[in-house]
Amino acid sequence: MNDDLFTASQVAQLTLIVKEAVREEMADGGLRLDGDHLDQAREDFRFLRKLRSGVDGIASKVGWVVIAAVLGGITWIVQLGLSAWKALP
């Protein structure tokens, strides 16, 4: 296969075209990537990542509480059954 399909200037032009197209599509989606907006977008994504991590942590802890409650309920029922069985004549 021939590696010289594009010249260096053509690669530079394609890179510029792709970057501009991506910026336009991001802007159409409400994400501006020019000037100070780029830093703000990065901070927004960092905030979303922290929020997601926090929610995942809370969900994990709630899951463990539910599991502990179910196991505690099963233990309680077994204990009641054993106490009732001991009370039989």
N, C-alpha and C. Protein backbone atom coordinates (compact mmCIF):
# COMPACT_ATOMS: atom_id res chain seq x y z
N MET A 1 0.86 -1.17 0.00
CA MET A 1 0.00 0.00 0.00
C MET A 1 0.90 1.23 0.00
N ASN A 2 0.50 2.23 -0.69
CA ASN A 2 1.30 3.45 -0.83
C ASN A 2 1.00 4.39 0.34
N ASP A 3 2.06 4.75 1.11
CA ASP A 3 1.88 5.64 2.26
C ASP A 3 1.85 7.10 1.86
N ASP A 4 2.19 7.41 0.64
CA ASP A 4 2.23 8.80 0.18
C ASP A 4 0.96 9.19 -0.56
N LEU A 5 -0.20 8.90 0.04
CA LEU A 5 -1.47 9.24 -0.60
C LEU A 5 -1.74 10.73 -0.55
N PHE A 6 -1.26 11.39 0.51
CA PHE A 6 -1.49 12.82 0.69
C PHE A 6 -0.16 13.51 0.93
N THR A 7 -0.06 14.71 0.43
CA THR A 7 1.12 15.51 0.72
C THR A 7 0.94 16.16 2.09
N ALA A 8 2.03 16.74 2.59
CA ALA A 8 1.97 17.37 3.91
C ALA A 8 0.98 18.54 3.91
N SER A 9 0.92 19.28 2.85
CA SER A 9 -0.02 20.41 2.79
C SER A 9 -1.47 19.92 2.74
N GLN A 10 -1.71 18.81 2.06
CA GLN A 10 -3.05 18.26 2.01
C GLN A 10 -3.48 17.74 3.39
N VAL A 11 -2.56 17.11 4.10
CA VAL A 11 -2.85 16.63 5.46
C VAL A 11 -3.17 17.82 6.36
N ALA A 12 -2.41 18.90 6.24
CA ALA A 12 -2.66 20.09 7.05
C ALA A 12 -4.03 20.68 6.72
N GLN A 13 -4.39 20.71 5.44
CA GLN A 13 -5.70 21.23 5.05
C GLN A 13 -6.82 20.34 5.58
N LEU A 14 -6.66 19.04 5.48
CA LEU A 14 -7.68 18.12 5.99
C LEU A 14 -7.83 18.26 7.50
N THR A 15 -6.72 18.40 8.19
CA THR A 15 -6.77 18.59 9.64
C THR A 15 -7.54 19.85 9.99
N LEU A 16 -7.25 20.93 9.29
CA LEU A 16 -7.95 22.20 9.53
C LEU A 16 -9.44 22.07 9.24
N ILE A 17 -9.79 21.40 8.17
CA ILE A 17 -11.20 21.21 7.80
C ILE A 17 -11.93 20.39 8.86
N VAL A 18 -11.30 19.30 9.31
CA VAL A 18 -11.93 18.45 10.31
C VAL A 18 -12.11 19.20 11.62
N LYS A 19 -11.07 19.94 12.05
CA LYS A 19 -11.18 20.70 13.30
C LYS A 19 -12.31 21.72 13.22
N GLU A 20 -12.42 22.40 12.11
CA GLU A 20 -13.47 23.41 11.95
C GLU A 20 -14.86 22.75 11.94
N ALA A 21 -14.97 21.60 11.28
CA ALA A 21 -16.26 20.91 11.23
C ALA A 21 -16.66 20.43 12.63
N VAL A 22 -15.71 19.92 13.40
CA VAL A 22 -16.01 19.46 14.75
C VAL A 22 -16.45 20.63 15.62
N ARG A 23 -15.73 21.76 15.51
CA ARG A 23 -16.10 22.94 16.30
C ARG A 23 -17.50 23.43 15.94
N GLU A 24 -17.84 23.42 14.65
CA GLU A 24 -19.17 23.87 14.24
C GLU A 24 -20.25 22.94 14.78
N GLU A 25 -20.02 21.64 14.73
CA GLU A 25 -21.01 20.69 15.22
C GLU A 25 -21.15 20.78 16.74
N MET A 26 -20.04 20.97 17.44
CA MET A 26 -20.12 21.14 18.89
C MET A 26 -20.88 22.42 19.23
N ALA A 27 -20.63 23.48 18.47
CA ALA A 27 -21.35 24.74 18.71
C ALA A 27 -22.84 24.57 18.44
N ASP A 28 -23.19 23.79 17.42
CA ASP A 28 -24.60 23.53 17.14
C ASP A 28 -25.25 22.76 18.29
N GLY A 29 -24.45 21.94 18.96
CA GLY A 29 -24.96 21.19 20.10
C GLY A 29 -24.92 21.96 21.40
N GLY A 30 -24.46 23.21 21.35
CA GLY A 30 -24.45 24.06 22.53
C GLY A 30 -23.14 24.09 23.29
N LEU A 31 -22.09 23.50 22.73
CA LEU A 31 -20.78 23.48 23.38
C LEU A 31 -19.82 24.33 22.58
N ARG A 32 -19.52 25.50 23.12
CA ARG A 32 -18.59 26.41 22.43
C ARG A 32 -17.18 26.07 22.85
N LEU A 33 -16.28 25.99 21.87
CA LEU A 33 -14.90 25.61 22.14
C LEU A 33 -13.91 26.69 21.74
N ASP A 34 -14.31 27.95 21.82
CA ASP A 34 -13.39 29.02 21.46
C ASP A 34 -13.13 29.91 22.67
N GLY A 35 -11.89 30.37 22.78
CA GLY A 35 -11.52 31.31 23.83
C GLY A 35 -11.74 30.76 25.23
N ASP A 36 -12.36 31.57 26.07
CA ASP A 36 -12.60 31.22 27.47
C ASP A 36 -13.63 30.10 27.62
N HIS A 37 -14.42 29.89 26.60
CA HIS A 37 -15.47 28.86 26.67
C HIS A 37 -14.87 27.46 26.79
N LEU A 38 -13.69 27.25 26.25
CA LEU A 38 -13.05 25.94 26.33
C LEU A 38 -12.74 25.59 27.78
N ASP A 39 -12.19 26.54 28.53
CA ASP A 39 -11.89 26.28 29.95
C ASP A 39 -13.16 26.04 30.74
N GLN A 40 -14.21 26.78 30.44
CA GLN A 40 -15.48 26.59 31.13
C GLN A 40 -16.07 25.22 30.82
N ALA A 41 -15.96 24.79 29.57
CA ALA A 41 -16.46 23.47 29.19
C ALA A 41 -15.70 22.37 29.93
N ARG A 42 -14.39 22.54 30.06
CA ARG A 42 -13.59 21.55 30.80
C ARG A 42 -14.03 21.48 32.25
N GLU A 43 -14.25 22.63 32.86
CA GLU A 43 -14.71 22.65 34.26
C GLU A 43 -16.09 22.01 34.40
N ASP A 44 -16.96 22.24 33.42
CA ASP A 44 -18.29 21.62 33.45
C ASP A 44 -18.17 20.10 33.40
N PHE A 45 -17.29 19.60 32.54
CA PHE A 45 -17.12 18.15 32.45
C PHE A 45 -16.49 17.58 33.71
N ARG A 46 -15.57 18.33 34.33
CA ARG A 46 -15.00 17.88 35.61
C ARG A 46 -16.08 17.81 36.68
N PHE A 47 -16.94 18.82 36.71
CA PHE A 47 -18.04 18.82 37.68
C PHE A 47 -18.95 17.62 37.46
N LEU A 48 -19.30 17.36 36.20
CA LEU A 48 -20.17 16.22 35.90
C LEU A 48 -19.52 14.90 36.31
N ARG A 49 -18.20 14.78 36.11
CA ARG A 49 -17.50 13.56 36.50
C ARG A 49 -17.55 13.38 38.01
N LYS A 50 -17.31 14.48 38.77
CA LYS A 50 -17.37 14.41 40.23
C LYS A 50 -18.78 14.05 40.69
N LEU A 51 -19.79 14.64 40.05
CA LEU A 51 -21.18 14.36 40.40
C LEU A 51 -21.51 12.89 40.15
N ARG A 52 -21.08 12.39 39.01
CA ARG A 52 -21.34 10.98 38.69
C ARG A 52 -20.64 10.06 39.67
N SER A 53 -19.41 10.36 40.01
CA SER A 53 -18.67 9.54 40.98
C SER A 53 -19.36 9.56 42.34
N GLY A 54 -19.83 10.73 42.75
CA GLY A 54 -20.53 10.83 44.03
C GLY A 54 -21.82 10.04 44.04
N VAL A 55 -22.57 10.13 42.96
CA VAL A 55 -23.84 9.40 42.88
C VAL A 55 -23.58 7.89 42.85
N ASP A 56 -22.54 7.48 42.14
CA ASP A 56 -22.21 6.06 42.12
C ASP A 56 -21.83 5.57 43.51
N GLY A 57 -21.09 6.38 44.26
CA GLY A 57 -20.71 6.01 45.62
C GLY A 57 -21.91 5.89 46.53
N ILE A 58 -22.83 6.84 46.42
CA ILE A 58 -24.05 6.80 47.23
C ILE A 58 -24.89 5.58 46.87
N ALA A 59 -25.01 5.31 45.58
CA ALA A 59 -25.79 4.14 45.15
C ALA A 59 -25.18 2.86 45.69
N SER A 60 -23.88 2.78 45.71
CA SER A 60 -23.21 1.59 46.25
C SER A 60 -23.51 1.43 47.74
N LYS A 61 -23.44 2.53 48.48
CA LYS A 61 -23.70 2.47 49.92
C LYS A 61 -25.16 2.10 50.20
N VAL A 62 -26.09 2.65 49.42
CA VAL A 62 -27.50 2.30 49.59
C VAL A 62 -27.71 0.82 49.28
N GLY A 63 -27.03 0.32 48.27
CA GLY A 63 -27.13 -1.10 47.94
C GLY A 63 -26.67 -1.99 49.09
N TRP A 64 -25.57 -1.61 49.73
CA TRP A 64 -25.08 -2.39 50.86
C TRP A 64 -26.05 -2.31 52.04
N VAL A 65 -26.68 -1.17 52.25
CA VAL A 65 -27.66 -1.04 53.33
C VAL A 65 -28.85 -1.95 53.06
N VAL A 66 -29.31 -2.00 51.82
CA VAL A 66 -30.44 -2.88 51.47
C VAL A 66 -30.07 -4.34 51.69
N ILE A 67 -28.87 -4.72 51.27
CA ILE A 67 -28.43 -6.11 51.47
C ILE A 67 -28.36 -6.44 52.97
N ALA A 68 -27.80 -5.51 53.75
CA ALA A 68 -27.71 -5.73 55.20
C ALA A 68 -29.10 -5.84 55.83
N ALA A 69 -30.05 -5.02 55.37
CA ALA A 69 -31.40 -5.07 55.91
C ALA A 69 -32.07 -6.40 55.58
N VAL A 70 -31.89 -6.89 54.38
CA VAL A 70 -32.47 -8.18 53.99
C VAL A 70 -31.87 -9.31 54.81
N LEU A 71 -30.54 -9.29 54.96
CA LEU A 71 -29.91 -10.34 55.77
C LEU A 71 -30.33 -10.24 57.23
N GLY A 72 -30.46 -9.03 57.75
CA GLY A 72 -30.95 -8.86 59.12
C GLY A 72 -32.36 -9.37 59.28
N GLY A 73 -33.21 -9.10 58.29
CA GLY A 73 -34.59 -9.61 58.34
C GLY A 73 -34.64 -11.12 58.31
N ILE A 74 -33.83 -11.73 57.48
CA ILE A 74 -33.79 -13.20 57.41
C ILE A 74 -33.31 -13.77 58.74
N THR A 75 -32.27 -13.16 59.31
CA THR A 75 -31.76 -13.61 60.62
C THR A 75 -32.83 -13.49 61.70
N TRP A 76 -33.55 -12.39 61.69
CA TRP A 76 -34.61 -12.16 62.67
C TRP A 76 -35.71 -13.22 62.55
N ILE A 77 -36.11 -13.53 61.29
CA ILE A 77 -37.15 -14.53 61.07
C ILE A 77 -36.68 -15.91 61.55
N VAL A 78 -35.43 -16.24 61.26
CA VAL A 78 -34.89 -17.53 61.71
C VAL A 78 -34.86 -17.59 63.23
N GLN A 79 -34.47 -16.49 63.88
CA GLN A 79 -34.43 -16.46 65.34
C GLN A 79 -35.83 -16.61 65.93
N LEU A 80 -36.82 -15.94 65.34
CA LEU A 80 -38.20 -16.10 65.81
C LEU A 80 -38.67 -17.54 65.66
N GLY A 81 -38.31 -18.16 64.54
CA GLY A 81 -38.69 -19.55 64.33
C GLY A 81 -38.05 -20.47 65.36
N LEU A 82 -36.78 -20.25 65.63
CA LEU A 82 -36.11 -21.08 66.63
C LEU A 82 -36.69 -20.86 68.03
N SER A 83 -37.02 -19.62 68.34
CA SER A 83 -37.63 -19.33 69.66
C SER A 83 -39.00 -19.99 69.77
N ALA A 84 -39.80 -19.96 68.70
CA ALA A 84 -41.11 -20.61 68.72
C ALA A 84 -40.94 -22.13 68.81
N TRP A 85 -39.93 -22.67 68.18
CA TRP A 85 -39.72 -24.12 68.20
C TRP A 85 -39.28 -24.57 69.60
N LYS A 86 -38.46 -23.76 70.27
CA LYS A 86 -38.05 -24.08 71.63
C LYS A 86 -39.21 -24.02 72.61
N ALA A 87 -40.18 -23.15 72.35
CA ALA A 87 -41.31 -22.96 73.25
C ALA A 87 -42.33 -24.09 73.15
N LEU A 88 -42.25 -24.92 72.12
CA LEU A 88 -43.20 -26.05 71.98
C LEU A 88 -42.95 -27.08 73.07
N PRO A 89 -44.04 -27.72 73.57
CA PRO A 89 -43.87 -28.73 74.65
C PRO A 89 -43.24 -30.00 74.18
